[in-house]
Amino acid sequence: MNWIPYYSKYLSWLGLVILFLWVLFYWLDIPNYKEIDKPMAIIGIICNLFGNFMEQMNKK
């Protein structure tokens, strides 16, 4: 299972990038943002949590 830490690290960073874009779009007040507001936040949090969880599971 050597592929798990490689992908989990990038999955965690992908979640952080999605959350950063979510904050940036909220701050810029983009039109029609309310349609992607909640799914974008949920996807970012899930990617971050799943990436961190897989990384921690592989360290054991």
C-alpha atoms as a PDB file:
ATOM      1  CA  MET A   1       0.000   0.000   0.000  1.00  0.00           C
ATOM      2  CA  ASN A   2       2.683   2.502  -0.897  1.00  0.00           C
ATOM      3  CA  TRP A   3       0.275   4.522  -3.030  1.00  0.00           C
ATOM      4  CA  ILE A   4      -1.892   5.607  -0.049  1.00  0.00           C
ATOM      5  CA  PRO A   5       0.380   8.304   1.456  1.00  0.00           C
ATOM      6  CA  TYR A   6       1.158   9.694  -1.983  1.00  0.00           C
ATOM      7  CA  TYR A   7      -2.472  10.246  -2.928  1.00  0.00           C
ATOM      8  CA  SER A   8      -3.748  11.062   0.546  1.00  0.00           C
ATOM      9  CA  LYS A   9      -1.324  13.964   0.868  1.00  0.00           C
ATOM     10  CA  TYR A  10      -2.543  15.430  -2.410  1.00  0.00           C
ATOM     11  CA  LEU A  11      -6.164  14.775  -1.507  1.00  0.00           C
ATOM     12  CA  SER A  12      -5.659  16.746   1.682  1.00  0.00           C
ATOM     13  CA  TRP A  13      -4.069  19.640  -0.228  1.00  0.00           C
ATOM     14  CA  LEU A  14      -6.875  19.515  -2.807  1.00  0.00           C
ATOM     15  CA  GLY A  15      -9.397  19.929   0.014  1.00  0.00           C
ATOM     16  CA  LEU A  16      -7.514  22.953   1.316  1.00  0.00           C
ATOM     17  CA  VAL A  17      -7.389  24.516  -2.156  1.00  0.00           C
ATOM     18  CA  ILE A  18     -11.130  23.991  -2.614  1.00  0.00           C
ATOM     19  CA  LEU A  19     -11.807  25.603   0.766  1.00  0.00           C
ATOM     20  CA  PHE A  20      -9.524  28.527  -0.140  1.00  0.00           C
ATOM     21  CA  LEU A  21     -11.419  29.023  -3.411  1.00  0.00           C
ATOM     22  CA  TRP A  22     -14.700  28.799  -1.495  1.00  0.00           C
ATOM     23  CA  VAL A  23     -13.575  31.641   0.793  1.00  0.00           C
ATOM     24  CA  LEU A  24     -12.237  33.657  -2.146  1.00  0.00           C
ATOM     25  CA  PHE A  25     -15.470  33.326  -4.142  1.00  0.00           C
ATOM     26  CA  TYR A  26     -17.492  34.261  -1.063  1.00  0.00           C
ATOM     27  CA  TRP A  27     -15.330  37.336  -0.507  1.00  0.00           C
ATOM     28  CA  LEU A  28     -15.545  38.455  -4.161  1.00  0.00           C
ATOM     29  CA  ASP A  29     -19.356  38.057  -4.142  1.00  0.00           C
ATOM     30  CA  ILE A  30     -19.580  36.243  -7.471  1.00  0.00           C
ATOM     31  CA  PRO A  31     -23.056  36.088  -9.054  1.00  0.00           C
ATOM     32  CA  ASN A  32     -24.848  32.717  -8.832  1.00  0.00           C
ATOM     33  CA  TYR A  33     -22.454  31.652  -6.086  1.00  0.00           C
ATOM     34  CA  LYS A  34     -25.288  30.398  -3.893  1.00  0.00           C
ATOM     35  CA  GLU A  35     -25.746  27.406  -6.228  1.00  0.00           C
ATOM     36  CA  ILE A  36     -22.236  26.048  -5.568  1.00  0.00           C
ATOM     37  CA  ASP A  37     -21.726  27.419  -2.053  1.00  0.00           C
ATOM     38  CA  LYS A  38     -22.658  24.413   0.082  1.00  0.00           C
ATOM     39  CA  PRO A  39     -21.479  21.618  -2.259  1.00  0.00           C
ATOM     40  CA  MET A  40     -18.088  23.300  -2.660  1.00  0.00           C
ATOM     41  CA  ALA A  41     -17.615  23.597   1.096  1.00  0.00           C
ATOM     42  CA  ILE A  42     -18.752  20.016   1.696  1.00  0.00           C
ATOM     43  CA  ILE A  43     -16.446  18.605  -0.997  1.00  0.00           C
ATOM     44  CA  GLY A  44     -13.493  20.589   0.372  1.00  0.00           C
ATOM     45  CA  ILE A  45     -14.045  19.430   3.938  1.00  0.00           C
ATOM     46  CA  ILE A  46     -14.551  15.796   2.919  1.00  0.00           C
ATOM     47  CA  CYS A  47     -11.401  15.762   0.764  1.00  0.00           C
ATOM     48  CA  ASN A  48      -9.386  17.307   3.568  1.00  0.00           C
ATOM     49  CA  LEU A  49     -10.700  14.967   6.258  1.00  0.00           C
ATOM     50  CA  PHE A  50     -10.393  11.837   4.121  1.00  0.00           C
ATOM     51  CA  GLY A  51      -6.848  12.737   3.062  1.00  0.00           C
ATOM     52  CA  ASN A  52      -5.782  13.380   6.656  1.00  0.00           C
ATOM     53  CA  PHE A  53      -7.474  10.190   7.847  1.00  0.00           C
ATOM     54  CA  MET A  54      -5.756   8.026   5.214  1.00  0.00           C
ATOM     55  CA  GLU A  55      -2.410   9.639   5.953  1.00  0.00           C
ATOM     56  CA  GLN A  56      -2.786   8.938   9.676  1.00  0.00           C
ATOM     57  CA  MET A  57      -3.910   5.350   9.048  1.00  0.00           C
ATOM     58  CA  ASN A  58      -0.824   4.672   6.975  1.00  0.00           C
ATOM     59  CA  LYS A  59       1.527   6.017   9.669  1.00  0.00           C
ATOM     60  CA  LYS A  60       0.422   3.335  12.130  1.00  0.00           C
END
